[in-house]
Amino acid sequence: MSTWWGLIVEETDGMGERKAYAANVLDHVEGTREEALVELEKRARGYVPQHPMNPSATRLYRTDEGFLLVSEGSMRNYGCRFSVGELLYDSVQAEKAAAAQRAAEAEERQALRRAEAEERAARKAAEKAAKRAQRGGGKWWGGGAG
């Protein structure tokens, strides 16, 4: 079964006192979990983490959830965790779908109004033709041949 997967990296973000652990979505891929893990491994192998600035060594480990990249710095080691997550909900896609639905409904209403206007115009034309026929065959001067 084809599913959308998020390729996610979690790492230390910021400097000094403002460090925080942040998760970022690298990309989305469609396919099986195994296919997503293959793509994630490619991304993990080429990933350059924020910390440390000049790593003395970098090691990539496979885990049950994905991959762990450990970079040795001069003061401490830093880790980046890579994982795949099945995309269950996307507010951007939900809004696009809702907007498309609203546009389709608006188009439907507009088509209905056009059809009603055409129907009114046809009815009005038929009424005019009937009145002309009652007045003597449609001659505006009201007389016959003379």
N, C-alpha and C. Protein backbone atom coordinates (compact mmCIF):
# COMPACT_ATOMS: atom_id res chain seq x y z
N MET A 1 0.84 -1.18 0.00
CA MET A 1 0.00 0.00 0.00
C MET A 1 0.88 1.25 0.00
N SER A 2 0.54 2.20 -0.81
CA SER A 2 1.31 3.44 -0.92
C SER A 2 0.85 4.46 0.12
N THR A 3 1.80 5.00 0.85
CA THR A 3 1.53 5.93 1.94
C THR A 3 2.52 7.08 1.85
N TRP A 4 2.14 8.22 2.39
CA TRP A 4 3.07 9.36 2.47
C TRP A 4 3.82 9.28 3.80
N TRP A 5 5.14 9.48 3.72
CA TRP A 5 6.01 9.42 4.90
C TRP A 5 6.78 10.73 5.02
N GLY A 6 6.94 11.18 6.25
CA GLY A 6 7.78 12.33 6.53
C GLY A 6 9.17 11.85 6.90
N LEU A 7 10.18 12.46 6.31
CA LEU A 7 11.57 12.16 6.67
C LEU A 7 11.97 13.23 7.68
N ILE A 8 12.19 12.81 8.92
CA ILE A 8 12.33 13.75 10.03
C ILE A 8 13.71 13.66 10.65
N VAL A 9 14.28 14.82 10.96
CA VAL A 9 15.54 14.88 11.70
C VAL A 9 15.28 15.67 12.98
N GLU A 10 15.82 15.16 14.08
CA GLU A 10 15.75 15.85 15.37
C GLU A 10 17.18 16.11 15.82
N GLU A 11 17.47 17.37 16.13
CA GLU A 11 18.83 17.71 16.54
C GLU A 11 18.84 18.94 17.44
N THR A 12 20.00 19.18 18.04
CA THR A 12 20.19 20.37 18.86
C THR A 12 20.22 21.58 17.95
N ASP A 13 19.44 22.59 18.31
CA ASP A 13 19.33 23.81 17.50
C ASP A 13 19.73 24.99 18.37
N GLY A 14 20.41 25.97 17.79
CA GLY A 14 20.77 27.18 18.53
C GLY A 14 22.15 27.10 19.15
N MET A 15 22.50 28.18 19.87
CA MET A 15 23.83 28.30 20.47
C MET A 15 23.71 28.69 21.94
N GLY A 16 24.71 28.34 22.72
CA GLY A 16 24.81 28.77 24.12
C GLY A 16 23.57 28.45 24.94
N GLU A 17 23.05 29.46 25.63
CA GLU A 17 21.88 29.29 26.49
C GLU A 17 20.60 29.08 25.70
N ARG A 18 20.64 29.35 24.42
CA ARG A 18 19.43 29.26 23.59
C ARG A 18 19.34 27.94 22.83
N LYS A 19 20.04 26.94 23.27
CA LYS A 19 19.97 25.64 22.62
C LYS A 19 18.62 24.99 22.92
N ALA A 20 18.12 24.32 21.93
CA ALA A 20 16.87 23.57 22.08
C ALA A 20 16.94 22.36 21.16
N TYR A 21 16.13 21.39 21.45
CA TYR A 21 16.04 20.21 20.60
C TYR A 21 14.90 20.47 19.63
N ALA A 22 15.17 20.42 18.34
CA ALA A 22 14.15 20.76 17.34
C ALA A 22 13.99 19.63 16.33
N ALA A 23 12.76 19.44 15.89
CA ALA A 23 12.46 18.47 14.84
C ALA A 23 12.15 19.21 13.56
N ASN A 24 12.71 18.73 12.46
CA ASN A 24 12.46 19.32 11.15
C ASN A 24 12.13 18.22 10.15
N VAL A 25 11.19 18.51 9.27
CA VAL A 25 10.85 17.57 8.20
C VAL A 25 11.76 17.88 7.02
N LEU A 26 12.57 16.90 6.65
CA LEU A 26 13.48 17.07 5.52
C LEU A 26 12.72 17.01 4.20
N ASP A 27 11.75 16.10 4.13
CA ASP A 27 10.99 15.91 2.89
C ASP A 27 9.84 14.95 3.16
N HIS A 28 9.00 14.78 2.17
CA HIS A 28 7.95 13.77 2.20
C HIS A 28 8.17 12.84 1.01
N VAL A 29 7.95 11.56 1.22
CA VAL A 29 8.05 10.59 0.14
C VAL A 29 6.82 9.71 0.15
N GLU A 30 6.44 9.24 -1.02
CA GLU A 30 5.31 8.34 -1.14
C GLU A 30 5.83 6.95 -1.43
N GLY A 31 5.28 5.96 -0.75
CA GLY A 31 5.70 4.58 -0.96
C GLY A 31 5.51 3.78 0.31
N THR A 32 6.29 2.72 0.41
CA THR A 32 6.24 1.87 1.60
C THR A 32 7.18 2.44 2.66
N ARG A 33 7.07 1.92 3.87
CA ARG A 33 7.96 2.35 4.95
C ARG A 33 9.42 2.01 4.59
N GLU A 34 9.61 0.85 3.99
CA GLU A 34 10.96 0.43 3.62
C GLU A 34 11.56 1.38 2.58
N GLU A 35 10.75 1.81 1.61
CA GLU A 35 11.23 2.77 0.61
C GLU A 35 11.57 4.11 1.27
N ALA A 36 10.75 4.50 2.23
CA ALA A 36 11.02 5.76 2.95
C ALA A 36 12.32 5.65 3.74
N LEU A 37 12.57 4.49 4.35
CA LEU A 37 13.82 4.30 5.11
C LEU A 37 15.04 4.34 4.19
N VAL A 38 14.92 3.82 2.98
CA VAL A 38 16.03 3.88 2.02
C VAL A 38 16.35 5.34 1.70
N GLU A 39 15.31 6.13 1.44
CA GLU A 39 15.51 7.55 1.14
C GLU A 39 16.07 8.28 2.37
N LEU A 40 15.58 7.93 3.55
CA LEU A 40 16.06 8.56 4.78
C LEU A 40 17.54 8.27 5.00
N GLU A 41 17.97 7.05 4.71
CA GLU A 41 19.39 6.72 4.87
C GLU A 41 20.25 7.59 3.96
N LYS A 42 19.80 7.80 2.72
CA LYS A 42 20.55 8.68 1.80
C LYS A 42 20.68 10.08 2.39
N ARG A 43 19.58 10.58 2.94
CA ARG A 43 19.59 11.92 3.53
C ARG A 43 20.49 11.97 4.76
N ALA A 44 20.43 10.94 5.59
CA ALA A 44 21.23 10.90 6.81
C ALA A 44 22.72 10.86 6.48
N ARG A 45 23.09 10.10 5.46
CA ARG A 45 24.51 9.99 5.08
C ARG A 45 25.07 11.32 4.60
N GLY A 46 24.25 12.15 3.96
CA GLY A 46 24.74 13.43 3.45
C GLY A 46 24.43 14.61 4.34
N TYR A 47 23.84 14.36 5.50
CA TYR A 47 23.39 15.46 6.37
C TYR A 47 24.56 16.11 7.10
N VAL A 48 24.55 17.43 7.15
CA VAL A 48 25.56 18.18 7.91
C VAL A 48 24.83 18.85 9.07
N PRO A 49 25.04 18.34 10.30
CA PRO A 49 24.34 18.90 11.46
C PRO A 49 24.87 20.28 11.85
N GLN A 50 24.05 21.00 12.63
CA GLN A 50 24.47 22.33 13.12
C GLN A 50 25.64 22.22 14.08
N HIS A 51 25.63 21.20 14.91
CA HIS A 51 26.67 21.05 15.94
C HIS A 51 27.31 19.69 15.83
N PRO A 52 28.58 19.56 16.09
CA PRO A 52 29.55 20.62 16.33
C PRO A 52 29.99 21.27 15.01
N MET A 53 30.62 22.43 15.15
CA MET A 53 31.06 23.16 13.95
C MET A 53 32.11 22.36 13.17
N ASN A 54 33.08 21.80 13.88
CA ASN A 54 34.15 21.03 13.24
C ASN A 54 34.26 19.67 13.94
N PRO A 55 33.45 18.71 13.52
CA PRO A 55 33.48 17.41 14.20
C PRO A 55 34.80 16.68 13.94
N SER A 56 35.28 16.01 14.99
CA SER A 56 36.50 15.21 14.83
C SER A 56 36.16 13.83 14.28
N ALA A 57 34.93 13.38 14.49
CA ALA A 57 34.48 12.09 13.95
C ALA A 57 32.95 12.12 13.85
N THR A 58 32.45 11.39 12.89
CA THR A 58 31.00 11.28 12.71
C THR A 58 30.67 9.82 12.44
N ARG A 59 29.65 9.31 13.13
CA ARG A 59 29.24 7.92 12.95
C ARG A 59 27.73 7.86 12.74
N LEU A 60 27.32 7.03 11.79
CA LEU A 60 25.89 6.85 11.51
C LEU A 60 25.48 5.45 11.93
N TYR A 61 24.46 5.36 12.77
CA TYR A 61 23.95 4.09 13.28
C TYR A 61 22.53 3.86 12.77
N ARG A 62 22.22 2.59 12.50
CA ARG A 62 20.85 2.21 12.18
C ARG A 62 20.16 1.83 13.49
N THR A 63 18.96 2.34 13.70
CA THR A 63 18.18 2.01 14.89
C THR A 63 16.86 1.39 14.44
N ASP A 64 16.05 0.95 15.40
CA ASP A 64 14.74 0.39 15.06
C ASP A 64 13.85 1.43 14.39
N GLU A 65 14.01 2.70 14.76
CA GLU A 65 13.15 3.77 14.24
C GLU A 65 13.72 4.45 13.00
N GLY A 66 15.01 4.29 12.75
CA GLY A 66 15.65 4.99 11.63
C GLY A 66 17.15 4.99 11.77
N PHE A 67 17.72 6.18 12.04
CA PHE A 67 19.18 6.32 12.11
C PHE A 67 19.55 7.32 13.19
N LEU A 68 20.78 7.16 13.71
CA LEU A 68 21.32 8.09 14.69
C LEU A 68 22.70 8.50 14.21
N LEU A 69 22.88 9.81 14.01
CA LEU A 69 24.16 10.36 13.58
C LEU A 69 24.81 10.99 14.81
N VAL A 70 25.99 10.48 15.19
CA VAL A 70 26.70 11.01 16.35
C VAL A 70 27.98 11.69 15.86
N SER A 71 28.10 12.97 16.19
CA SER A 71 29.27 13.76 15.79
C SER A 71 30.05 14.13 17.04
N GLU A 72 31.35 13.83 17.04
CA GLU A 72 32.20 14.16 18.18
C GLU A 72 32.75 15.57 18.00
N GLY A 73 32.54 16.40 19.02
CA GLY A 73 33.08 17.75 19.01
C GLY A 73 34.23 17.86 19.99
N SER A 74 34.82 19.02 20.06
CA SER A 74 35.96 19.21 20.97
C SER A 74 35.51 19.19 22.43
N MET A 75 34.29 19.64 22.72
CA MET A 75 33.80 19.70 24.10
C MET A 75 32.82 18.57 24.43
N ARG A 76 32.03 18.16 23.46
CA ARG A 76 31.03 17.12 23.71
C ARG A 76 30.56 16.52 22.40
N ASN A 77 29.78 15.47 22.49
CA ASN A 77 29.21 14.81 21.31
C ASN A 77 27.79 15.34 21.08
N TYR A 78 27.39 15.33 19.82
CA TYR A 78 26.04 15.77 19.44
C TYR A 78 25.39 14.67 18.62
N GLY A 79 24.11 14.51 18.81
CA GLY A 79 23.38 13.49 18.07
C GLY A 79 22.26 14.09 17.23
N CYS A 80 22.05 13.47 16.10
CA CYS A 80 20.91 13.79 15.23
C CYS A 80 20.15 12.49 15.02
N ARG A 81 18.89 12.51 15.36
CA ARG A 81 18.06 11.33 15.18
C ARG A 81 17.23 11.49 13.92
N PHE A 82 17.27 10.48 13.05
CA PHE A 82 16.51 10.47 11.80
C PHE A 82 15.43 9.40 11.90
N SER A 83 14.22 9.76 11.54
CA SER A 83 13.13 8.79 11.59
C SER A 83 12.14 9.06 10.47
N VAL A 84 11.34 8.04 10.18
CA VAL A 84 10.24 8.20 9.23
C VAL A 84 8.95 8.18 10.03
N GLY A 85 8.03 9.00 9.61
CA GLY A 85 6.72 9.04 10.26
C GLY A 85 5.63 9.03 9.20
N GLU A 86 4.63 8.18 9.42
CA GLU A 86 3.51 8.13 8.48
C GLU A 86 2.70 9.41 8.59
N LEU A 87 2.46 10.06 7.47
CA LEU A 87 1.69 11.30 7.45
C LEU A 87 0.21 10.96 7.61
N LEU A 88 -0.36 11.37 8.74
CA LEU A 88 -1.77 11.11 9.02
C LEU A 88 -2.64 12.31 8.72
N TYR A 89 -2.11 13.51 8.91
CA TYR A 89 -2.88 14.74 8.69
C TYR A 89 -1.93 15.84 8.27
N ASP A 90 -2.37 16.66 7.33
CA ASP A 90 -1.58 17.79 6.85
C ASP A 90 -2.54 18.97 6.70
N SER A 91 -2.38 19.98 7.54
CA SER A 91 -3.31 21.12 7.52
C SER A 91 -3.23 21.86 6.20
N VAL A 92 -2.06 21.89 5.56
CA VAL A 92 -1.93 22.57 4.27
C VAL A 92 -2.76 21.83 3.22
N GLN A 93 -2.63 20.52 3.17
CA GLN A 93 -3.41 19.73 2.21
C GLN A 93 -4.90 19.80 2.53
N ALA A 94 -5.24 19.81 3.82
CA ALA A 94 -6.65 19.91 4.21
C ALA A 94 -7.23 21.24 3.76
N GLU A 95 -6.47 22.31 3.90
CA GLU A 95 -6.94 23.63 3.46
C GLU A 95 -7.06 23.69 1.94
N LYS A 96 -6.11 23.09 1.23
CA LYS A 96 -6.20 23.04 -0.23
C LYS A 96 -7.45 22.28 -0.67
N ALA A 97 -7.73 21.17 -0.02
CA ALA A 97 -8.92 20.38 -0.36
C ALA A 97 -10.18 21.17 -0.06
N ALA A 98 -10.20 21.87 1.09
CA ALA A 98 -11.37 22.67 1.45
C ALA A 98 -11.55 23.82 0.46
N ALA A 99 -10.46 24.45 0.05
CA ALA A 99 -10.54 25.55 -0.93
C ALA A 99 -11.04 25.02 -2.27
N ALA A 100 -10.57 23.85 -2.68
CA ALA A 100 -11.03 23.26 -3.94
C ALA A 100 -12.51 22.93 -3.86
N GLN A 101 -12.95 22.44 -2.71
CA GLN A 101 -14.38 22.14 -2.51
C GLN A 101 -15.20 23.42 -2.59
N ARG A 102 -14.71 24.48 -1.93
CA ARG A 102 -15.44 25.76 -1.98
C ARG A 102 -15.50 26.30 -3.40
N ALA A 103 -14.41 26.18 -4.14
CA ALA A 103 -14.37 26.66 -5.53
C ALA A 103 -15.35 25.86 -6.39
N ALA A 104 -15.40 24.54 -6.19
CA ALA A 104 -16.33 23.70 -6.96
C ALA A 104 -17.77 24.07 -6.64
N GLU A 105 -18.06 24.31 -5.36
CA GLU A 105 -19.41 24.70 -4.97
C GLU A 105 -19.78 26.06 -5.56
N ALA A 106 -18.83 27.00 -5.56
CA ALA A 106 -19.08 28.32 -6.14
C ALA A 106 -19.33 28.21 -7.64
N GLU A 107 -18.57 27.38 -8.32
CA GLU A 107 -18.76 27.16 -9.76
C GLU A 107 -20.13 26.54 -10.02
N GLU A 108 -20.52 25.61 -9.18
CA GLU A 108 -21.83 24.98 -9.32
C GLU A 108 -22.95 26.01 -9.14
N ARG A 109 -22.81 26.87 -8.13
CA ARG A 109 -23.82 27.93 -7.91
C ARG A 109 -23.87 28.88 -9.11
N GLN A 110 -22.70 29.23 -9.63
CA GLN A 110 -22.64 30.15 -10.77
C GLN A 110 -23.28 29.50 -12.00
N ALA A 111 -23.03 28.23 -12.24
CA ALA A 111 -23.64 27.53 -13.37
C ALA A 111 -25.15 27.47 -13.21
N LEU A 112 -25.62 27.26 -11.99
CA LEU A 112 -27.06 27.24 -11.73
C LEU A 112 -27.67 28.61 -12.00
N ARG A 113 -26.99 29.68 -11.56
CA ARG A 113 -27.50 31.03 -11.82
C ARG A 113 -27.54 31.32 -13.32
N ARG A 114 -26.50 30.88 -14.05
CA ARG A 114 -26.50 31.08 -15.50
C ARG A 114 -27.67 30.35 -16.15
N ALA A 115 -27.90 29.11 -15.74
CA ALA A 115 -29.00 28.32 -16.30
C ALA A 115 -30.35 28.99 -15.99
N GLU A 116 -30.50 29.49 -14.76
CA GLU A 116 -31.75 30.18 -14.39
C GLU A 116 -31.93 31.45 -15.22
N ALA A 117 -30.85 32.20 -15.45
CA ALA A 117 -30.92 33.43 -16.25
C ALA A 117 -31.29 33.10 -17.69
N GLU A 118 -30.70 32.04 -18.24
CA GLU A 118 -31.03 31.64 -19.60
C GLU A 118 -32.49 31.21 -19.70
N GLU A 119 -32.96 30.51 -18.68
CA GLU A 119 -34.36 30.07 -18.65
C GLU A 119 -35.29 31.27 -18.60
N ARG A 120 -34.96 32.27 -17.77
CA ARG A 120 -35.78 33.49 -17.69
C ARG A 120 -35.79 34.22 -19.03
N ALA A 121 -34.62 34.33 -19.67
CA ALA A 121 -34.53 35.01 -20.96
C ALA A 121 -35.34 34.27 -22.02
N ALA A 122 -35.30 32.95 -22.03
CA ALA A 122 -36.08 32.18 -23.00
C ALA A 122 -37.57 32.35 -22.74
N ARG A 123 -37.97 32.34 -21.46
CA ARG A 123 -39.39 32.54 -21.10
C ARG A 123 -39.86 33.92 -21.55
N LYS A 124 -39.03 34.93 -21.31
CA LYS A 124 -39.38 36.31 -21.68
C LYS A 124 -39.50 36.43 -23.20
N ALA A 125 -38.58 35.82 -23.93
CA ALA A 125 -38.64 35.85 -25.40
C ALA A 125 -39.90 35.16 -25.90
N ALA A 126 -40.26 34.04 -25.28
CA ALA A 126 -41.48 33.32 -25.67
C ALA A 126 -42.72 34.16 -25.39
N GLU A 127 -42.73 34.85 -24.24
CA GLU A 127 -43.87 35.72 -23.90
C GLU A 127 -43.99 36.86 -24.90
N LYS A 128 -42.88 37.47 -25.30
CA LYS A 128 -42.89 38.55 -26.29
C LYS A 128 -43.43 38.04 -27.63
N ALA A 129 -42.97 36.87 -28.03
CA ALA A 129 -43.42 36.29 -29.30
C ALA A 129 -44.92 36.02 -29.26
N ALA A 130 -45.41 35.54 -28.12
CA ALA A 130 -46.85 35.26 -27.98
C ALA A 130 -47.65 36.56 -28.05
N LYS A 131 -47.18 37.62 -27.42
CA LYS A 131 -47.88 38.92 -27.47
C LYS A 131 -47.91 39.46 -28.89
N ARG A 132 -46.79 39.34 -29.61
CA ARG A 132 -46.74 39.80 -30.99
C ARG A 132 -47.73 39.04 -31.85
N ALA A 133 -47.82 37.75 -31.62
CA ALA A 133 -48.74 36.92 -32.39
C ALA A 133 -50.18 37.33 -32.13
N GLN A 134 -50.49 37.72 -30.88
CA GLN A 134 -51.85 38.15 -30.54
C GLN A 134 -52.18 39.49 -31.19
N ARG A 135 -51.19 40.34 -31.42
CA ARG A 135 -51.44 41.66 -31.99
C ARG A 135 -51.52 41.66 -33.51
N GLY A 136 -51.47 40.59 -34.11
CA GLY A 136 -51.67 40.58 -35.55
C GLY A 136 -50.47 40.12 -36.35
N GLY A 137 -49.87 39.12 -35.95
CA GLY A 137 -48.82 38.55 -36.77
C GLY A 137 -47.48 39.23 -36.64
N GLY A 138 -47.31 40.07 -35.68
CA GLY A 138 -46.01 40.65 -35.43
C GLY A 138 -45.74 41.91 -36.22
N LYS A 139 -46.76 42.53 -36.88
CA LYS A 139 -46.53 43.77 -37.62
C LYS A 139 -46.69 44.93 -36.67
N TRP A 140 -45.71 45.72 -36.52
CA TRP A 140 -45.72 46.78 -35.51
C TRP A 140 -46.63 47.93 -35.88
N TRP A 141 -46.92 48.12 -37.16
CA TRP A 141 -47.76 49.26 -37.53
C TRP A 141 -49.24 48.94 -37.43
N GLY A 142 -49.53 47.66 -37.13
CA GLY A 142 -50.90 47.28 -36.80
C GLY A 142 -51.83 47.07 -37.97
N GLY A 143 -51.37 47.17 -39.16
CA GLY A 143 -52.30 47.01 -40.28
C GLY A 143 -51.92 45.89 -41.18
N GLY A 144 -52.80 45.62 -42.09
CA GLY A 144 -52.54 44.60 -43.09
C GLY A 144 -52.00 45.26 -44.35
N ALA A 145 -52.10 44.58 -45.46
CA ALA A 145 -51.62 45.11 -46.73
C ALA A 145 -52.60 46.16 -47.23
N GLY A 146 -52.12 47.21 -47.76
CA GLY A 146 -53.11 48.17 -48.16
C GLY A 146 -52.74 48.97 -49.25
